[in-house]
C-alpha atoms as a PDB file:
ATOM      1  CA  MET A   1     -29.523  -2.413 -10.061  1.00  0.00           C
ATOM      2  CA  SER A   2     -31.459   0.440  -8.488  1.00  0.00           C
ATOM      3  CA  LYS A   3     -32.780   3.263 -10.651  1.00  0.00           C
ATOM      4  CA  ARG A   4     -30.245   6.058 -11.025  1.00  0.00           C
ATOM      5  CA  LYS A   5     -30.919   9.775 -10.905  1.00  0.00           C
ATOM      6  CA  ILE A   6     -30.624  11.426 -14.313  1.00  0.00           C
ATOM      7  CA  VAL A   7     -29.518  15.065 -14.110  1.00  0.00           C
ATOM      8  CA  PRO A   8     -28.371  17.960 -16.348  1.00  0.00           C
ATOM      9  CA  GLN A   9     -24.682  18.086 -17.279  1.00  0.00           C
ATOM     10  CA  GLU A  10     -23.728  20.796 -14.764  1.00  0.00           C
ATOM     11  CA  GLU A  11     -25.224  18.883 -11.854  1.00  0.00           C
ATOM     12  CA  TRP A  12     -23.605  15.679 -13.126  1.00  0.00           C
ATOM     13  CA  PHE A  13     -20.233  17.455 -13.266  1.00  0.00           C
ATOM     14  CA  ARG A  14     -20.527  18.815  -9.709  1.00  0.00           C
ATOM     15  CA  ALA A  15     -21.494  15.417  -8.288  1.00  0.00           C
ATOM     16  CA  HIS A  16     -18.583  13.666  -9.974  1.00  0.00           C
ATOM     17  CA  GLN A  17     -16.209  16.455  -9.007  1.00  0.00           C
ATOM     18  CA  GLN A  18     -17.221  16.033  -5.370  1.00  0.00           C
ATOM     19  CA  HIS A  19     -16.807  12.277  -5.575  1.00  0.00           C
ATOM     20  CA  LEU A  20     -13.310  12.711  -7.019  1.00  0.00           C
ATOM     21  CA  LYS A  21     -12.221  14.154  -3.677  1.00  0.00           C
ATOM     22  CA  ARG A  22     -13.079  10.812  -2.033  1.00  0.00           C
ATOM     23  CA  GLU A  23     -11.243   8.919  -4.747  1.00  0.00           C
ATOM     24  CA  LYS A  24      -8.141  11.023  -4.126  1.00  0.00           C
ATOM     25  CA  GLU A  25      -8.415  10.381  -0.373  1.00  0.00           C
ATOM     26  CA  LEU A  26      -8.375   6.667  -1.110  1.00  0.00           C
ATOM     27  CA  THR A  27      -5.380   7.007  -3.426  1.00  0.00           C
ATOM     28  CA  ARG A  28      -3.372   8.935  -0.840  1.00  0.00           C
ATOM     29  CA  LEU A  29      -4.342   6.471   1.907  1.00  0.00           C
ATOM     30  CA  ARG A  30      -3.298   3.558  -0.300  1.00  0.00           C
ATOM     31  CA  ASP A  31       0.083   5.206  -0.923  1.00  0.00           C
ATOM     32  CA  LYS A  32       0.514   5.807   2.816  1.00  0.00           C
ATOM     33  CA  ILE A  33      -0.320   2.200   3.700  1.00  0.00           C
ATOM     34  CA  ALA A  34       2.045   0.926   0.999  1.00  0.00           C
ATOM     35  CA  ALA A  35       4.861   3.008   2.486  1.00  0.00           C
ATOM     36  CA  GLU A  36       4.063   1.688   5.973  1.00  0.00           C
ATOM     37  CA  ARG A  37       4.070  -1.851   4.606  1.00  0.00           C
ATOM     38  CA  ARG A  38       7.618  -1.396   3.312  1.00  0.00           C
ATOM     39  CA  GLU A  39       8.717  -0.403   6.821  1.00  0.00           C
ATOM     40  CA  LEU A  40       7.342  -3.523   8.534  1.00  0.00           C
ATOM     41  CA  PRO A  41       9.901  -5.751  10.323  1.00  0.00           C
ATOM     42  CA  TRP A  42      11.205  -8.871   8.580  1.00  0.00           C
ATOM     43  CA  LEU A  43      11.427 -12.487   9.723  1.00  0.00           C
ATOM     44  CA  ARG A  44      14.465 -14.556   8.759  1.00  0.00           C
ATOM     45  CA  ILE A  45      13.593 -17.934   7.239  1.00  0.00           C
ATOM     46  CA  ARG A  46      15.906 -20.567   8.669  1.00  0.00           C
ATOM     47  CA  LYS A  47      14.210 -23.751   7.463  1.00  0.00           C
ATOM     48  CA  ASP A  48      15.431 -25.247   4.187  1.00  0.00           C
ATOM     49  CA  TYR A  49      12.272 -25.740   2.120  1.00  0.00           C
ATOM     50  CA  VAL A  50      12.502 -27.826  -1.059  1.00  0.00           C
ATOM     51  CA  PHE A  51       9.971 -27.565  -3.900  1.00  0.00           C
ATOM     52  CA  GLU A  52       9.168 -29.787  -6.851  1.00  0.00           C
ATOM     53  CA  THR A  53       9.506 -27.751 -10.050  1.00  0.00           C
ATOM     54  CA  GLU A  54       9.577 -28.445 -13.765  1.00  0.00           C
ATOM     55  CA  ALA A  55      13.367 -28.004 -13.565  1.00  0.00           C
ATOM     56  CA  GLY A  56      13.708 -30.498 -10.696  1.00  0.00           C
ATOM     57  CA  PRO A  57      13.985 -29.970  -6.919  1.00  0.00           C
ATOM     58  CA  ARG A  58      14.608 -26.365  -5.926  1.00  0.00           C
ATOM     59  CA  HIS A  59      15.169 -24.639  -2.586  1.00  0.00           C
ATOM     60  CA  LEU A  60      13.244 -21.538  -1.559  1.00  0.00           C
ATOM     61  CA  ALA A  61      16.293 -19.387  -2.321  1.00  0.00           C
ATOM     62  CA  ASP A  62      16.365 -20.837  -5.847  1.00  0.00           C
ATOM     63  CA  LEU A  63      12.832 -19.609  -6.583  1.00  0.00           C
ATOM     64  CA  PHE A  64      14.140 -16.025  -6.604  1.00  0.00           C
ATOM     65  CA  GLY A  65      16.144 -16.695  -9.758  1.00  0.00           C
ATOM     66  CA  ALA A  66      18.324 -13.646 -10.416  1.00  0.00           C
ATOM     67  CA  ASN A  67      16.053 -11.329  -8.423  1.00  0.00           C
ATOM     68  CA  SER A  68      16.197 -10.293  -4.768  1.00  0.00           C
ATOM     69  CA  GLN A  69      12.415 -10.208  -4.246  1.00  0.00           C
ATOM     70  CA  LEU A  70       9.950 -13.086  -4.450  1.00  0.00           C
ATOM     71  CA  ILE A  71       6.153 -13.096  -4.373  1.00  0.00           C
ATOM     72  CA  VAL A  72       4.492 -16.432  -3.653  1.00  0.00           C
ATOM     73  CA  TYR A  73       0.811 -17.004  -4.268  1.00  0.00           C
ATOM     74  CA  HIS A  74      -0.564 -19.948  -2.285  1.00  0.00           C
ATOM     75  CA  PHE A  75      -3.031 -21.850  -4.484  1.00  0.00           C
ATOM     76  CA  MET A  76      -5.696 -23.896  -2.692  1.00  0.00           C
ATOM     77  CA  LEU A  77      -4.993 -27.384  -4.005  1.00  0.00           C
ATOM     78  CA  GLY A  78      -3.889 -30.286  -1.853  1.00  0.00           C
ATOM     79  CA  PRO A  79      -2.715 -33.744  -2.945  1.00  0.00           C
ATOM     80  CA  GLY A  80      -5.457 -35.655  -4.717  1.00  0.00           C
ATOM     81  CA  GLY A  81      -7.713 -32.595  -4.874  1.00  0.00           C
ATOM     82  CA  ASN A  82     -10.433 -32.823  -7.509  1.00  0.00           C
ATOM     83  CA  HIS A  83     -11.754 -29.267  -7.190  1.00  0.00           C
ATOM     84  CA  TYR A  84      -9.875 -26.347  -8.690  1.00  0.00           C
ATOM     85  CA  CYS A  85     -10.582 -23.204  -6.679  1.00  0.00           C
ATOM     86  CA  GLU A  86     -12.371 -20.633  -8.848  1.00  0.00           C
ATOM     87  CA  GLY A  87     -11.091 -17.770  -6.680  1.00  0.00           C
ATOM     88  CA  CYS A  88      -7.438 -18.847  -6.864  1.00  0.00           C
ATOM     89  CA  SER A  89      -7.772 -19.450 -10.600  1.00  0.00           C
ATOM     90  CA  PHE A  90      -9.433 -16.047 -11.053  1.00  0.00           C
ATOM     91  CA  LEU A  91      -6.457 -14.376  -9.374  1.00  0.00           C
ATOM     92  CA  CYS A  92      -3.951 -16.479 -11.325  1.00  0.00           C
ATOM     93  CA  ASP A  93      -5.540 -15.396 -14.611  1.00  0.00           C
ATOM     94  CA  HIS A  94      -4.107 -11.945 -13.864  1.00  0.00           C
ATOM     95  CA  ILE A  95      -0.510 -12.998 -13.182  1.00  0.00           C
ATOM     96  CA  ASP A  96       1.053 -13.444 -16.604  1.00  0.00           C
ATOM     97  CA  GLY A  97       0.345  -9.884 -17.738  1.00  0.00           C
ATOM     98  CA  ALA A  98       1.914  -8.411 -14.613  1.00  0.00           C
ATOM     99  CA  ASN A  99       4.784 -10.885 -14.714  1.00  0.00           C
ATOM    100  CA  GLN A 100       5.980  -9.469 -18.034  1.00  0.00           C
ATOM    101  CA  HIS A 101       6.974  -6.388 -16.046  1.00  0.00           C
ATOM    102  CA  LEU A 102       7.706  -7.768 -12.566  1.00  0.00           C
ATOM    103  CA  ARG A 103      10.582  -9.919 -13.774  1.00  0.00           C
ATOM    104  CA  HIS A 104      12.276  -6.745 -15.017  1.00  0.00           C
ATOM    105  CA  HIS A 105      11.790  -4.971 -11.702  1.00  0.00           C
ATOM    106  CA  ASP A 106      13.775  -7.330  -9.443  1.00  0.00           C
ATOM    107  CA  VAL A 107      10.691  -9.423  -8.610  1.00  0.00           C
ATOM    108  CA  SER A 108      10.047 -13.115  -9.225  1.00  0.00           C
ATOM    109  CA  LEU A 109       6.549 -14.529  -8.845  1.00  0.00           C
ATOM    110  CA  VAL A 110       5.764 -18.187  -8.199  1.00  0.00           C
ATOM    111  CA  VAL A 111       2.507 -20.010  -7.510  1.00  0.00           C
ATOM    112  CA  VAL A 112       2.806 -22.755  -4.883  1.00  0.00           C
ATOM    113  CA  ALA A 113       0.380 -25.546  -4.017  1.00  0.00           C
ATOM    114  CA  ARG A 114       0.668 -28.688  -1.893  1.00  0.00           C
ATOM    115  CA  ALA A 115      -0.496 -30.958  -4.716  1.00  0.00           C
ATOM    116  CA  PRO A 116       2.337 -32.854  -6.449  1.00  0.00           C
ATOM    117  CA  LEU A 117       3.664 -31.357  -9.667  1.00  0.00           C
ATOM    118  CA  ALA A 118       2.136 -34.226 -11.661  1.00  0.00           C
ATOM    119  CA  GLU A 119      -1.276 -32.931 -10.566  1.00  0.00           C
ATOM    120  CA  LEU A 120      -0.472 -29.237 -10.989  1.00  0.00           C
ATOM    121  CA  SER A 121       1.085 -29.280 -14.454  1.00  0.00           C
ATOM    122  CA  PRO A 122      -1.966 -30.581 -16.395  1.00  0.00           C
ATOM    123  CA  PHE A 123      -4.192 -27.930 -14.824  1.00  0.00           C
ATOM    124  CA  LYS A 124      -1.667 -25.184 -15.557  1.00  0.00           C
ATOM    125  CA  LYS A 125      -1.521 -26.369 -19.179  1.00  0.00           C
ATOM    126  CA  ARG A 126      -5.310 -26.448 -19.405  1.00  0.00           C
ATOM    127  CA  MET A 127      -5.525 -22.849 -18.150  1.00  0.00           C
ATOM    128  CA  GLY A 128      -2.797 -21.661 -20.514  1.00  0.00           C
ATOM    129  CA  TRP A 129      -0.774 -20.089 -17.711  1.00  0.00           C
ATOM    130  CA  LYS A 130       2.924 -19.311 -18.289  1.00  0.00           C
ATOM    131  CA  PHE A 131       4.060 -18.435 -14.741  1.00  0.00           C
ATOM    132  CA  ASP A 132       6.033 -20.891 -12.605  1.00  0.00           C
ATOM    133  CA  MET A 133       3.783 -23.232 -10.618  1.00  0.00           C
ATOM    134  CA  VAL A 134       5.581 -25.452  -8.116  1.00  0.00           C
ATOM    135  CA  SER A 135       4.715 -28.017  -5.481  1.00  0.00           C
ATOM    136  CA  SER A 136       5.495 -27.813  -1.767  1.00  0.00           C
ATOM    137  CA  TYR A 137       4.266 -31.395  -1.296  1.00  0.00           C
ATOM    138  CA  ALA A 138       7.457 -32.642   0.357  1.00  0.00           C
ATOM    139  CA  SER A 139       7.948 -29.700   2.734  1.00  0.00           C
ATOM    140  CA  ASP A 140       6.275 -27.852   5.609  1.00  0.00           C
ATOM    141  CA  PHE A 141       6.227 -24.612   3.648  1.00  0.00           C
ATOM    142  CA  ASN A 142       2.461 -24.145   3.374  1.00  0.00           C
ATOM    143  CA  PHE A 143       1.920 -25.207   6.975  1.00  0.00           C
ATOM    144  CA  ASP A 144       4.571 -22.815   8.262  1.00  0.00           C
ATOM    145  CA  MET A 145       3.069 -20.015   6.166  1.00  0.00           C
ATOM    146  CA  GLN A 146      -0.278 -20.718   7.883  1.00  0.00           C
ATOM    147  CA  VAL A 147      -2.228 -21.439   4.721  1.00  0.00           C
ATOM    148  CA  SER A 148      -2.403 -25.227   5.192  1.00  0.00           C
ATOM    149  CA  TYR A 149      -3.340 -27.246   8.250  1.00  0.00           C
ATOM    150  CA  THR A 150      -2.999 -30.804   9.473  1.00  0.00           C
ATOM    151  CA  ASP A 151      -5.996 -32.865  10.519  1.00  0.00           C
ATOM    152  CA  ARG A 152      -4.723 -32.667  14.101  1.00  0.00           C
ATOM    153  CA  GLN A 153      -4.558 -28.859  14.004  1.00  0.00           C
ATOM    154  CA  ILE A 154      -8.075 -28.650  12.596  1.00  0.00           C
ATOM    155  CA  ALA A 155      -9.491 -31.062  15.168  1.00  0.00           C
ATOM    156  CA  ALA A 156      -7.757 -29.268  18.042  1.00  0.00           C
ATOM    157  CA  GLY A 157      -8.710 -25.792  16.824  1.00  0.00           C
ATOM    158  CA  GLU A 158      -5.035 -24.851  16.608  1.00  0.00           C
ATOM    159  CA  THR A 159      -5.396 -22.991  13.320  1.00  0.00           C
ATOM    160  CA  VAL A 160      -4.185 -19.443  12.664  1.00  0.00           C
ATOM    161  CA  TYR A 161      -5.109 -17.564   9.493  1.00  0.00           C
ATOM    162  CA  ASN A 162      -4.656 -13.891   8.669  1.00  0.00           C
ATOM    163  CA  PHE A 163      -2.899 -13.291  11.998  1.00  0.00           C
ATOM    164  CA  GLU A 164      -5.708 -14.586  14.167  1.00  0.00           C
ATOM    165  CA  LYS A 165      -6.743 -17.899  15.638  1.00  0.00           C
ATOM    166  CA  ARG A 166      -9.952 -19.106  14.069  1.00  0.00           C
ATOM    167  CA  ALA A 167     -11.809 -22.336  13.412  1.00  0.00           C
ATOM    168  CA  ILE A 168     -10.708 -23.812  10.086  1.00  0.00           C
ATOM    169  CA  THR A 169     -12.497 -26.761   8.527  1.00  0.00           C
ATOM    170  CA  ILE A 170     -10.514 -27.190   5.297  1.00  0.00           C
ATOM    171  CA  ARG A 171      -6.870 -28.047   4.860  1.00  0.00           C
ATOM    172  CA  ASP A 172      -5.814 -25.331   2.414  1.00  0.00           C
ATOM    173  CA  LEU A 173      -6.526 -21.605   2.137  1.00  0.00           C
ATOM    174  CA  PRO A 174      -5.269 -18.874  -0.236  1.00  0.00           C
ATOM    175  CA  GLY A 175      -2.763 -16.152   0.437  1.00  0.00           C
ATOM    176  CA  THR A 176       0.266 -14.218  -0.728  1.00  0.00           C
ATOM    177  CA  SER A 177       3.698 -14.228   0.940  1.00  0.00           C
ATOM    178  CA  VAL A 178       6.573 -11.902   0.059  1.00  0.00           C
ATOM    179  CA  PHE A 179      10.270 -12.639   0.570  1.00  0.00           C
ATOM    180  CA  PHE A 180      13.614 -10.877   0.197  1.00  0.00           C
ATOM    181  CA  LYS A 181      17.026 -12.475  -0.364  1.00  0.00           C
ATOM    182  CA  ASP A 182      20.148 -10.537   0.577  1.00  0.00           C
ATOM    183  CA  GLU A 183      23.570 -10.783  -1.058  1.00  0.00           C
ATOM    184  CA  ALA A 184      24.644 -13.440   1.444  1.00  0.00           C
ATOM    185  CA  GLY A 185      21.727 -15.649   0.421  1.00  0.00           C
ATOM    186  CA  ASN A 186      19.693 -15.127   3.581  1.00  0.00           C
ATOM    187  CA  VAL A 187      15.931 -15.214   2.989  1.00  0.00           C
ATOM    188  CA  PHE A 188      13.442 -13.069   4.909  1.00  0.00           C
ATOM    189  CA  LEU A 189       9.653 -13.073   5.064  1.00  0.00           C
ATOM    190  CA  THR A 190       8.678  -9.414   4.642  1.00  0.00           C
ATOM    191  CA  PHE A 191       4.898  -9.470   4.232  1.00  0.00           C
ATOM    192  CA  MET A 192       1.871 -11.770   4.290  1.00  0.00           C
ATOM    193  CA  SER A 193      -1.564 -11.094   2.814  1.00  0.00           C
ATOM    194  CA  ARG A 194      -4.526 -13.374   3.406  1.00  0.00           C
ATOM    195  CA  ALA A 195      -8.302 -13.517   2.829  1.00  0.00           C
ATOM    196  CA  ARG A 196      -9.528 -10.408   0.945  1.00  0.00           C
ATOM    197  CA  GLY A 197      -5.995  -9.006   0.982  1.00  0.00           C
ATOM    198  CA  GLY A 198      -5.557 -10.681  -2.395  1.00  0.00           C
ATOM    199  CA  GLU A 199      -8.200  -8.549  -4.096  1.00  0.00           C
ATOM    200  CA  PRO A 200      -5.742  -5.869  -5.313  1.00  0.00           C
ATOM    201  CA  LEU A 201      -4.144  -8.596  -7.454  1.00  0.00           C
ATOM    202  CA  ILE A 202      -7.442  -9.136  -9.302  1.00  0.00           C
ATOM    203  CA  THR A 203      -7.704  -6.186 -11.666  1.00  0.00           C
ATOM    204  CA  THR A 204     -10.998  -7.471 -13.089  1.00  0.00           C
ATOM    205  CA  TYR A 205     -12.536  -6.176  -9.868  1.00  0.00           C
ATOM    206  CA  ASP A 206     -11.174  -2.690 -10.567  1.00  0.00           C
ATOM    207  CA  TYR A 207     -12.887  -2.703 -13.947  1.00  0.00           C
ATOM    208  CA  LEU A 208     -16.162  -3.953 -12.441  1.00  0.00           C
ATOM    209  CA  ASP A 209     -16.040  -1.416  -9.620  1.00  0.00           C
ATOM    210  CA  MET A 210     -16.172   1.346 -12.246  1.00  0.00           C
ATOM    211  CA  THR A 211     -19.329  -0.001 -13.856  1.00  0.00           C
ATOM    212  CA  PRO A 212     -22.965   0.702 -12.895  1.00  0.00           C
ATOM    213  CA  LYS A 213     -23.652  -2.918 -11.912  1.00  0.00           C
ATOM    214  CA  GLY A 214     -20.368  -3.275 -10.009  1.00  0.00           C
ATOM    215  CA  ARG A 215     -19.317  -6.772  -9.011  1.00  0.00           C
ATOM    216  CA  ASN A 216     -22.921  -7.943  -9.197  1.00  0.00           C
ATOM    217  CA  GLU A 217     -22.379 -10.346  -6.293  1.00  0.00           C
ATOM    218  CA  ASN A 218     -25.970 -10.465  -5.190  1.00  0.00           C
ATOM    219  CA  GLY A 219     -26.356 -14.015  -3.881  1.00  0.00           C
ATOM    220  CA  PRO A 220     -26.644 -16.710  -2.908  1.00  0.00           C
ATOM    221  CA  TYR A 221     -23.101 -16.398  -1.493  1.00  0.00           C
ATOM    222  CA  TYR A 222     -22.599 -12.634  -1.903  1.00  0.00           C
ATOM    223  CA  GLY A 223     -19.065 -13.065  -3.158  1.00  0.00           C
ATOM    224  CA  MET A 224     -17.046 -14.075  -6.208  1.00  0.00           C
ATOM    225  CA  ILE A 225     -18.431 -17.609  -6.105  1.00  0.00           C
ATOM    226  CA  ASP A 226     -21.766 -16.140  -7.257  1.00  0.00           C
ATOM    227  CA  TRP A 227     -20.391 -15.674 -10.753  1.00  0.00           C
ATOM    228  CA  VAL A 228     -16.693 -16.489 -11.159  1.00  0.00           C
ATOM    229  CA  ARG A 229     -15.901 -19.671 -13.086  1.00  0.00           C
ATOM    230  CA  LEU A 230     -12.726 -21.215 -14.449  1.00  0.00           C
ATOM    231  CA  HIS A 231     -12.212 -19.175 -17.587  1.00  0.00           C
ATOM    232  CA  ASP A 232     -12.864 -22.158 -19.860  1.00  0.00           C
ATOM    233  CA  GLU A 233     -16.136 -22.987 -18.106  1.00  0.00           C
ATOM    234  CA  TYR A 234     -18.108 -19.820 -18.838  1.00  0.00           C
ATOM    235  CA  GLU A 235     -21.130 -20.353 -21.051  1.00  0.00           C
ATOM    236  CA  GLY A 236     -20.121 -19.680 -24.623  1.00  0.00           C
ATOM    237  CA  ALA A 237     -16.370 -20.009 -23.996  1.00  0.00           C
ATOM    238  CA  THR A 238     -14.462 -20.154 -27.288  1.00  0.00           C
ATOM    239  CA  GLU A 239     -12.262 -23.048 -28.304  1.00  0.00           C
ATOM    240  CA  ALA A 240      -9.204 -20.907 -27.543  1.00  0.00           C
ATOM    241  CA  GLU A 241     -10.503 -20.277 -24.003  1.00  0.00           C
ATOM    242  CA  GLU A 242     -11.291 -23.955 -23.511  1.00  0.00           C
ATOM    243  CA  GLY A 243      -7.625 -24.891 -23.755  1.00  0.00           C
ATOM    244  CA  CYS A 244      -5.958 -28.046 -24.996  1.00  0.00           C
ATOM    245  CA  CYS A 245      -7.363 -30.541 -22.530  1.00  0.00           C
ATOM    246  CA  HIS A 246     -10.986 -30.459 -23.714  1.00  0.00           C
END
């Protein structure tokens, strides 16, 4: 952290007052973009996707429950995967708090991964998560949402992520997809967020961005992987944080 300028209170006040103008610009821009997002066109989902859930097989329309809006977070974990993505887990650590309110605001939230439920459930239990985590193992859901890719697609370079064609070398990537279900039961894809678009869902970053050291992502990767760990793998984690599987 570079040395900061120490000033008298009046100068401090003026500097922070000036900066507040920029903060307000960002707030107003964020509100404007959110309004524009709500006006984006929708895509009707015509394929009948089936998911493996703790309550048995469920269709995409069933994941809405009693709500008309559904947020899906795509967790990077394929069948037989032995590495649990720190970034996906970091984001998922923030879901349960928000979900206490979302479910009362006509929004259901589900985490989906390609790994079978038998592989997902122990990890969910270890992490202490309460949200619904389901498997798309038997469907094309993740592939159609352009967060998973076949070996043929990867070899041929036919991979699209975040609305652009790019070379992908791994089979699964993260993302968020948003759906709406009308009274007739029709399901529509209304929004997709990929790559760093998921950062607003990680409120830890908002706390860090207010601190003098910030995110402290200073290498070797210059990103969250520099410091983020599964929450039971931090040095000095308590028994409660370590979960039941240790």
